[in-house]
Protein backbone atom coordinates (compact mmCIF):
# COMPACT_ATOMS: atom_id res chain seq x y z
CA MET A 1 4.04 -12.15 -39.41
CA LYS A 2 5.37 -13.15 -36.19
CA LYS A 3 7.16 -10.94 -33.90
CA ASP A 4 10.15 -11.44 -32.66
CA TYR A 5 9.65 -10.63 -28.76
CA LYS A 6 12.98 -10.25 -26.79
CA VAL A 7 12.66 -10.69 -22.74
CA TYR A 8 14.93 -8.11 -20.36
CA TYR A 9 15.52 -8.84 -16.87
CA TYR A 10 14.84 -6.19 -14.90
CA ILE A 11 17.93 -4.60 -13.21
CA ASP A 12 17.70 -2.02 -10.02
CA GLU A 13 19.82 0.44 -9.55
CA LYS A 14 22.88 -1.43 -7.79
CA GLY A 15 23.08 -3.65 -11.15
CA ASN A 16 21.16 -6.46 -9.48
CA SER A 17 18.50 -8.36 -11.30
CA PRO A 18 16.16 -10.12 -8.96
CA VAL A 19 14.36 -12.05 -11.23
CA GLU A 20 17.54 -13.65 -12.52
CA GLU A 21 18.98 -14.23 -8.58
CA TYR A 22 15.48 -15.64 -7.68
CA ILE A 23 15.69 -17.88 -10.74
CA ASN A 24 19.28 -19.10 -10.04
CA ASN A 25 18.52 -20.02 -6.56
CA GLN A 26 15.58 -22.70 -7.56
CA PRO A 27 16.76 -26.77 -7.62
CA VAL A 28 17.38 -27.53 -10.90
CA LYS A 29 14.26 -29.10 -12.44
CA GLU A 30 12.57 -25.97 -11.33
CA ARG A 31 14.65 -23.73 -13.48
CA ALA A 32 14.24 -25.55 -16.07
CA LYS A 33 10.38 -25.20 -15.87
CA ILE A 34 10.70 -21.66 -15.04
CA PHE A 35 12.59 -21.16 -18.22
CA GLY A 36 10.34 -23.21 -20.48
CA PHE A 37 7.71 -21.03 -18.79
CA ILE A 38 9.87 -17.76 -19.82
CA VAL A 39 10.06 -19.27 -23.62
CA PHE A 40 6.15 -20.03 -23.99
CA LEU A 41 5.50 -16.50 -22.78
CA GLN A 42 8.00 -15.17 -25.43
CA GLU A 43 6.98 -17.39 -28.43
CA SER A 44 2.97 -16.29 -27.08
CA ASP A 45 4.19 -12.41 -28.06
CA GLY A 46 4.11 -11.45 -24.18
CA TYR A 47 0.80 -12.28 -23.34
CA LEU A 48 -0.92 -15.72 -21.74
CA ASN A 49 -4.36 -16.70 -20.43
CA GLU A 50 -4.95 -17.91 -17.16
CA PRO A 51 -3.85 -20.29 -15.42
CA TYR A 52 -0.37 -19.06 -16.85
CA SER A 53 -0.73 -15.94 -16.45
CA LYS A 54 -2.78 -13.52 -14.47
CA HIS A 55 -3.39 -9.05 -14.97
CA ILE A 56 -2.51 -8.12 -11.54
CA LYS A 57 -2.66 -3.92 -11.91
CA ASP A 58 -1.95 -1.50 -14.59
CA LYS A 59 0.00 -3.06 -17.15
CA ILE A 60 1.60 -5.92 -14.55
CA ARG A 61 1.23 -9.29 -15.16
CA GLU A 62 1.85 -12.45 -13.36
CA LEU A 63 3.30 -15.50 -15.03
CA ARG A 64 2.30 -18.73 -12.83
CA ILE A 65 4.75 -21.51 -12.59
CA ASP A 66 3.42 -24.40 -10.26
CA PHE A 67 5.88 -27.21 -9.25
CA SER A 68 4.54 -29.65 -7.32
CA ARG A 69 4.09 -27.93 -4.00
CA LYS A 70 5.89 -25.04 -5.05
CA ARG A 71 3.86 -21.80 -6.62
CA HIS A 72 6.74 -19.43 -8.90
CA ARG A 73 5.19 -16.20 -9.47
CA ILE A 74 7.19 -13.78 -11.74
CA MET A 75 5.72 -10.30 -12.12
CA TYR A 76 6.12 -8.61 -15.75
CA PHE A 77 4.79 -6.73 -18.06
CA THR A 78 5.08 -5.95 -22.19
CA PHE A 79 6.76 -2.64 -23.46
CA THR A 80 6.88 -1.31 -27.06
CA GLY A 81 9.08 -2.52 -29.35
CA GLU A 82 8.24 -6.23 -28.29
CA LYS A 83 10.03 -6.37 -25.12
CA ILE A 84 8.97 -8.60 -22.08
CA ILE A 85 10.32 -7.04 -19.10
CA LEU A 86 10.76 -9.63 -16.03
CA LEU A 87 10.23 -7.41 -13.09
CA SER A 88 10.38 -9.92 -9.69
CA ALA A 89 9.80 -12.67 -8.61
CA PHE A 90 8.70 -14.77 -5.52
CA THR A 91 7.23 -18.22 -4.32
CA LYS A 92 3.95 -17.84 -3.62
CA LYS A 93 2.57 -19.26 0.00
CA ILE A 94 -1.36 -17.63 0.34
CA GLU A 95 -3.94 -17.57 -2.31
CA LYS A 96 -3.67 -13.65 -2.54
CA THR A 97 -0.68 -12.18 -4.12
CA PRO A 98 0.70 -10.28 -1.44
CA GLU A 99 0.38 -6.39 -1.43
CA LYS A 100 3.95 -6.56 -0.42
CA GLU A 101 4.93 -8.51 -3.92
CA ILE A 102 2.70 -6.14 -6.02
CA ASN A 103 4.66 -3.24 -4.75
CA LYS A 104 8.00 -4.36 -5.45
CA ALA A 105 6.79 -4.99 -8.92
CA ILE A 106 5.48 -1.60 -9.39
CA ASN A 107 8.36 0.28 -7.95
CA ASN A 108 10.42 -1.66 -10.27
CA TYR A 109 7.93 -1.02 -13.10
CA ASN A 110 8.02 2.82 -12.27
CA ASN A 111 11.94 2.40 -12.31
CA PHE A 112 12.48 1.06 -15.41
CA LEU A 113 10.14 3.60 -16.84
CA ILE A 114 13.10 6.58 -16.10
CA ASN A 115 15.76 3.61 -16.65
CA LYS A 116 14.32 2.39 -20.24
CA GLU A 117 17.14 3.32 -22.22
CA LYS A 118 18.92 0.44 -20.16
CA TYR A 119 17.04 -1.78 -22.41
CA ASP A 120 17.97 -0.98 -25.68
């Protein structure tokens, strides 16, 4: 039986959603492709192999969306209860994932664990 995974945008202490804001600031065609990949992730029960997704650290993975020369990355993890939490997003400009972006995702992950009741 197929599970129904739900996608949630991480919300910070100020009520902002960094991933949602990132996506909304992209051109229409890129936004459509990003949303398509999020749906693909959801339909795949929160797990995709490379080249679509890559393990980063601990439970955190990176959804990889390439559009022409732009490389969009969304950090996420799956959580009990069939939840996919989109933690942070950025445009990748160098070969290696920047440590700053990994740390941002880890901080958002830890904040989520403290406030996970917001996502029930």
